[in-house]
Protein backbone atom coordinates (compact mmCIF):
# COMPACT_ATOMS: atom_id res chain seq x y z
CA MET A 1 2.98 11.49 -3.06
CA SER A 2 -0.56 10.48 -3.94
CA LEU A 3 -3.12 9.09 -1.39
CA PHE A 4 -5.73 6.28 -2.31
CA ARG A 5 -8.27 5.49 -0.32
CA GLY A 6 -9.66 1.92 -0.03
CA SER A 7 -13.11 1.33 1.38
CA LYS A 8 -15.26 -2.04 2.73
CA GLY A 9 -13.50 -5.60 2.31
CA TYR A 10 -10.90 -6.68 -0.27
CA ARG A 11 -12.34 -9.73 -1.68
CA ILE A 12 -11.54 -11.79 -4.84
CA ALA A 13 -14.59 -10.22 -6.30
CA ASN A 14 -13.69 -6.54 -6.22
CA ALA A 15 -9.67 -7.13 -5.96
CA GLN A 16 -9.24 -6.77 -9.76
CA GLN A 17 -11.74 -3.70 -10.05
CA VAL A 18 -9.14 -2.14 -7.15
CA ALA A 19 -6.04 -2.91 -8.52
CA ASP A 20 -7.52 -1.36 -11.86
CA ARG A 21 -8.33 1.84 -10.45
CA ILE A 22 -4.89 2.03 -8.47
CA GLY A 23 -3.20 1.47 -11.71
CA GLY A 24 -5.25 4.10 -13.66
CA PHE A 25 -4.70 6.40 -10.62
CA VAL A 26 -1.05 5.88 -10.93
CA ALA A 27 -0.88 6.47 -14.56
CA GLU A 28 -2.59 9.54 -14.42
CA ALA A 29 -0.99 11.05 -11.43
CA LYS A 30 2.28 9.49 -11.77
CA PRO A 31 3.46 9.44 -7.95
CA SER A 32 6.94 8.34 -6.38
CA ILE A 33 4.92 7.08 -3.75
CA LEU A 34 1.53 5.77 -3.47
CA LEU A 35 0.00 6.03 0.01
CA LEU A 36 -2.87 3.43 0.38
CA ASP A 37 -5.08 4.50 3.13
CA LEU A 38 -7.02 1.48 4.29
CA SER A 39 -8.55 2.84 7.42
CA GLY A 40 -11.80 2.17 5.68
CA VAL A 41 -11.29 -1.56 4.67
CA PHE A 42 -12.62 -3.78 7.70
CA ASP A 43 -11.33 -7.09 5.94
CA ILE A 44 -9.20 -8.69 3.19
CA GLU A 45 -9.18 -12.24 1.71
CA TYR A 46 -6.11 -13.97 0.85
CA SER A 47 -6.53 -13.40 -3.20
CA ALA A 48 -7.06 -9.65 -2.68
CA LEU A 49 -3.69 -9.63 -0.23
CA GLN A 50 -2.15 -11.64 -3.05
CA MET A 51 -2.81 -8.95 -5.60
CA MET A 52 -1.85 -6.34 -3.42
CA ILE A 53 1.31 -7.71 -3.27
CA GLU A 54 1.52 -8.32 -6.82
CA CYS A 55 0.74 -4.53 -7.39
CA ASP A 56 3.91 -3.65 -4.90
CA GLN A 57 6.00 -5.30 -7.34
CA ARG A 58 4.55 -3.87 -10.45
CA LEU A 59 4.46 -0.56 -8.86
CA ALA A 60 8.22 -0.91 -7.90
CA GLU A 61 9.11 -1.84 -11.54
CA GLN A 62 7.76 2.07 -12.32
CA GLY A 63 9.58 3.32 -9.47
CA VAL A 64 6.64 3.90 -7.22
CA ASP A 65 7.01 2.85 -3.72
CA LEU A 66 3.85 1.55 -2.01
CA TRP A 67 3.05 2.73 1.46
CA LEU A 68 0.11 1.20 3.70
CA ALA A 69 -1.90 3.09 6.20
CA GLY A 70 -4.54 2.82 8.29
CA LEU A 71 -4.92 -0.98 8.87
CA ASN A 72 -7.29 -2.25 11.48
CA SER A 73 -6.11 -4.75 13.69
CA ASP A 74 -7.37 -7.63 12.05
CA VAL A 75 -6.07 -6.56 8.43
CA LEU A 76 -2.63 -5.83 10.04
CA ALA A 77 -2.31 -9.52 11.41
CA TYR A 78 -3.09 -10.60 8.21
CA VAL A 79 -0.74 -8.70 6.34
CA ARG A 80 1.97 -9.29 9.19
CA GLY A 81 1.08 -12.97 8.86
CA SER A 82 1.73 -13.19 5.11
CA GLY A 83 4.90 -11.65 5.16
CA PHE A 84 4.18 -8.58 3.17
CA ALA A 85 4.83 -6.26 6.41
CA ASP A 86 8.16 -7.55 6.77
CA ARG A 87 8.76 -6.77 2.88
CA LEU A 88 7.35 -3.43 3.46
CA GLY A 89 8.93 -2.52 6.32
CA ARG A 90 8.52 0.15 8.90
CA ASP A 91 9.24 2.97 6.55
CA ARG A 92 6.31 1.95 4.35
CA MET A 93 3.45 1.12 7.12
CA PHE A 94 1.61 3.83 9.20
CA PRO A 95 -1.02 3.66 11.59
CA THR A 96 -2.65 6.39 9.64
CA ALA A 97 -2.56 8.31 6.47
CA GLY A 98 -1.74 11.55 8.11
CA ALA A 99 1.43 9.70 10.01
CA GLY A 100 2.30 8.54 6.47
CA VAL A 101 2.38 11.98 4.90
CA ARG A 102 4.10 13.42 8.02
CA HIS A 103 6.91 10.66 7.55
CA HIS A 104 7.05 11.74 4.00
CA GLN A 105 7.41 15.38 4.69
CA ASP A 106 9.84 14.99 7.16
CA ASN A 107 11.98 12.41 5.14
CA ALA A 108 11.40 14.34 1.71
CA GLN A 109 15.09 14.77 0.77
CA ALA A 110 16.04 11.21 1.74
CA PRO A 111 14.95 8.42 -0.57
CA ILE A 112 13.22 5.06 0.94
CA ALA A 113 15.38 2.31 0.83
CA ARG A 114 13.83 -0.66 -0.38
CA ARG A 115 14.39 -3.93 0.60
CA PRO A 116 16.81 -6.24 -1.59
CA GLY A 117 14.45 -8.09 -4.21
CA THR A 118 11.65 -5.64 -3.96
């Protein structure tokens, strides 16, 4: 498991830069799980959310599970409204990064079941 912290707002202007940083981070660390801590992200635009969804698909193709943590109420509502939260499921979304790490530690022997088509 690797932890990646986001900050500020995710907008189309910086979404590609964030995606590139995540891609480089994953290429170097080669985690089986990438926990994206969004506690420092105060908002997210539609285009940036779409890039995050596409990032989840690309990571899955590489055998990496994307987990989200620390979403504030506005970002969480937006992620839920997009259907992305349903796709991630309860086992890949956490109130805090610490909760995600604890979940991983508690379930390290059990693989995370991905939803069909993800």
